[in-house]
Amino acid sequence: NRLGSPKRGNVIDYTKDSAGYEQAYIGRVVGLPNETVFIKPGEIKVNDNVINEPYADLSNWAENREQQIPLKSDEYLVLYDKRGGDTPIVKRDQIVGVFYFRWWAIKDLGFIKY
């Protein structure tokens, strides 16, 4: 385990198989192993507790869509900050690394605050 365990809110790099080859993605950890995540327009709950995500934009989440996602012992729920409905579940061994520094856009250059 070269990274330790990713924490809620970490921005991570992960891989998923796509059409026979591994594709890299970047997303933010929302759900941790053995948790249940419930998503509805404007709100995300983890194990029945609302989580605060000031960076998240849920404006593209479908108005009537609600989704409950139980996670297994080696799974993480990863969402994009601009949330449009994708809810990828990522296994621990698919996580490549955690981002700690932002280099683009130049005006936002600096360490990511967790």
Protein backbone atom coordinates (compact mmCIF):
# COMPACT_ATOMS: atom_id res chain seq x y z
CA ASN A 1 0.00 0.00 0.00
CA ARG A 2 2.21 2.79 -1.29
CA LEU A 3 -0.25 5.64 -0.75
CA GLY A 4 -1.94 4.95 2.51
CA SER A 5 -5.70 5.20 2.35
CA PRO A 6 -7.26 8.05 0.38
CA LYS A 7 -9.45 10.30 2.51
CA ARG A 8 -12.78 11.91 1.74
CA GLY A 9 -12.18 15.04 -0.31
CA ASN A 10 -8.83 13.91 -1.76
CA VAL A 11 -8.39 14.47 -5.49
CA ILE A 12 -7.07 11.22 -6.96
CA ASP A 13 -5.77 9.74 -10.19
CA TYR A 14 -7.26 6.33 -10.99
CA THR A 15 -7.45 3.93 -13.90
CA LYS A 16 -10.39 2.07 -15.40
CA ASP A 17 -10.45 -0.42 -18.25
CA SER A 18 -12.01 1.15 -21.33
CA ALA A 19 -12.33 -0.75 -24.60
CA GLY A 20 -9.47 -3.08 -23.72
CA TYR A 21 -6.96 -0.56 -22.40
CA GLU A 22 -6.49 1.36 -19.16
CA GLN A 23 -7.69 4.94 -19.19
CA ALA A 24 -6.62 7.49 -16.54
CA TYR A 25 -9.19 9.65 -14.75
CA ILE A 26 -9.13 12.32 -12.07
CA GLY A 27 -11.87 12.68 -9.46
CA ARG A 28 -12.61 13.50 -5.83
CA VAL A 29 -13.16 10.82 -3.17
CA VAL A 30 -16.67 11.12 -1.72
CA GLY A 31 -17.36 7.66 -0.29
CA LEU A 32 -14.96 5.42 1.62
CA PRO A 33 -14.94 1.61 2.00
CA ASN A 34 -17.97 0.12 3.79
CA GLU A 35 -19.97 3.36 3.64
CA THR A 36 -23.34 4.01 2.01
CA VAL A 37 -23.62 7.19 -0.03
CA PHE A 38 -26.99 8.75 -0.87
CA ILE A 39 -27.07 11.42 -3.56
CA LYS A 40 -29.97 13.66 -4.49
CA PRO A 41 -30.13 17.12 -6.08
CA GLY A 42 -28.19 19.54 -3.89
CA GLU A 43 -27.23 17.05 -1.17
CA ILE A 44 -24.90 14.13 -0.51
CA LYS A 45 -25.17 11.99 2.61
CA VAL A 46 -22.67 9.43 3.84
CA ASN A 47 -24.12 6.96 6.35
CA ASP A 48 -27.09 9.35 6.85
CA ASN A 49 -24.85 12.40 7.55
CA VAL A 50 -24.85 15.34 5.13
CA ILE A 51 -21.32 16.15 3.99
CA ASN A 52 -20.11 19.68 3.24
CA GLU A 53 -18.50 20.04 -0.19
CA PRO A 54 -18.13 23.74 -1.04
CA TYR A 55 -16.21 22.85 -4.24
CA ALA A 56 -19.00 20.66 -5.66
CA ASP A 57 -21.40 21.84 -8.35
CA LEU A 58 -24.56 19.72 -8.35
CA SER A 59 -26.42 22.01 -10.79
CA ASN A 60 -26.28 19.40 -13.58
CA TRP A 61 -27.58 16.58 -11.38
CA ALA A 62 -30.98 15.50 -12.70
CA GLU A 63 -33.78 17.15 -10.73
CA ASN A 64 -35.62 13.93 -9.85
CA ARG A 65 -32.61 11.63 -9.59
CA GLU A 66 -31.77 10.01 -6.27
CA GLN A 67 -29.19 7.28 -5.89
CA GLN A 68 -28.03 5.13 -3.00
CA ILE A 69 -24.59 3.54 -3.40
CA PRO A 70 -23.31 0.94 -0.89
CA LEU A 71 -19.54 0.46 -1.02
CA LYS A 72 -17.63 -2.75 -0.32
CA SER A 73 -14.47 -3.05 1.79
CA ASP A 74 -12.11 -2.14 -1.10
CA GLU A 75 -14.27 0.43 -2.92
CA TYR A 76 -14.34 4.24 -3.08
CA LEU A 77 -16.98 6.46 -4.66
CA VAL A 78 -15.26 9.08 -6.80
CA LEU A 79 -17.13 12.06 -8.26
CA TYR A 80 -16.11 15.01 -10.37
CA ASP A 81 -16.49 18.49 -8.84
CA LYS A 82 -18.89 19.42 -11.65
CA ARG A 83 -21.36 16.62 -11.00
CA GLY A 84 -23.44 15.53 -13.92
CA GLY A 85 -24.47 12.05 -12.92
CA ASP A 86 -21.43 9.80 -13.30
CA THR A 87 -20.85 7.82 -10.09
CA PRO A 88 -17.73 5.71 -10.61
CA ILE A 89 -16.87 3.15 -7.98
CA VAL A 90 -13.11 2.67 -7.85
CA LYS A 91 -11.33 -0.27 -6.27
CA ARG A 92 -8.29 0.46 -4.09
CA ASP A 93 -5.88 -1.17 -6.55
CA GLN A 94 -7.09 1.17 -9.35
CA ILE A 95 -5.96 4.28 -7.45
CA VAL A 96 -2.64 5.58 -8.79
CA GLY A 97 -2.08 8.58 -6.53
CA VAL A 98 -3.40 11.56 -4.60
CA PHE A 99 -2.91 15.11 -5.89
CA TYR A 100 -1.42 17.67 -3.49
CA PHE A 101 -0.43 20.46 -5.87
CA ARG A 102 -2.44 22.32 -8.54
CA TRP A 103 -0.48 23.79 -11.43
CA TRP A 104 -3.31 24.89 -13.73
CA ALA A 105 -4.77 27.47 -14.10
CA ILE A 106 -1.75 29.60 -13.31
CA LYS A 107 -3.87 31.92 -11.15
CA ASP A 108 -4.77 28.88 -8.96
CA LEU A 109 -1.19 27.56 -8.70
CA GLY A 110 -0.51 26.09 -5.26
CA PHE A 111 -1.16 23.29 -2.83
CA ILE A 112 -4.63 21.73 -2.73
CA LYS A 113 -6.23 22.35 0.66
CA TYR A 114 -7.70 19.22 2.24
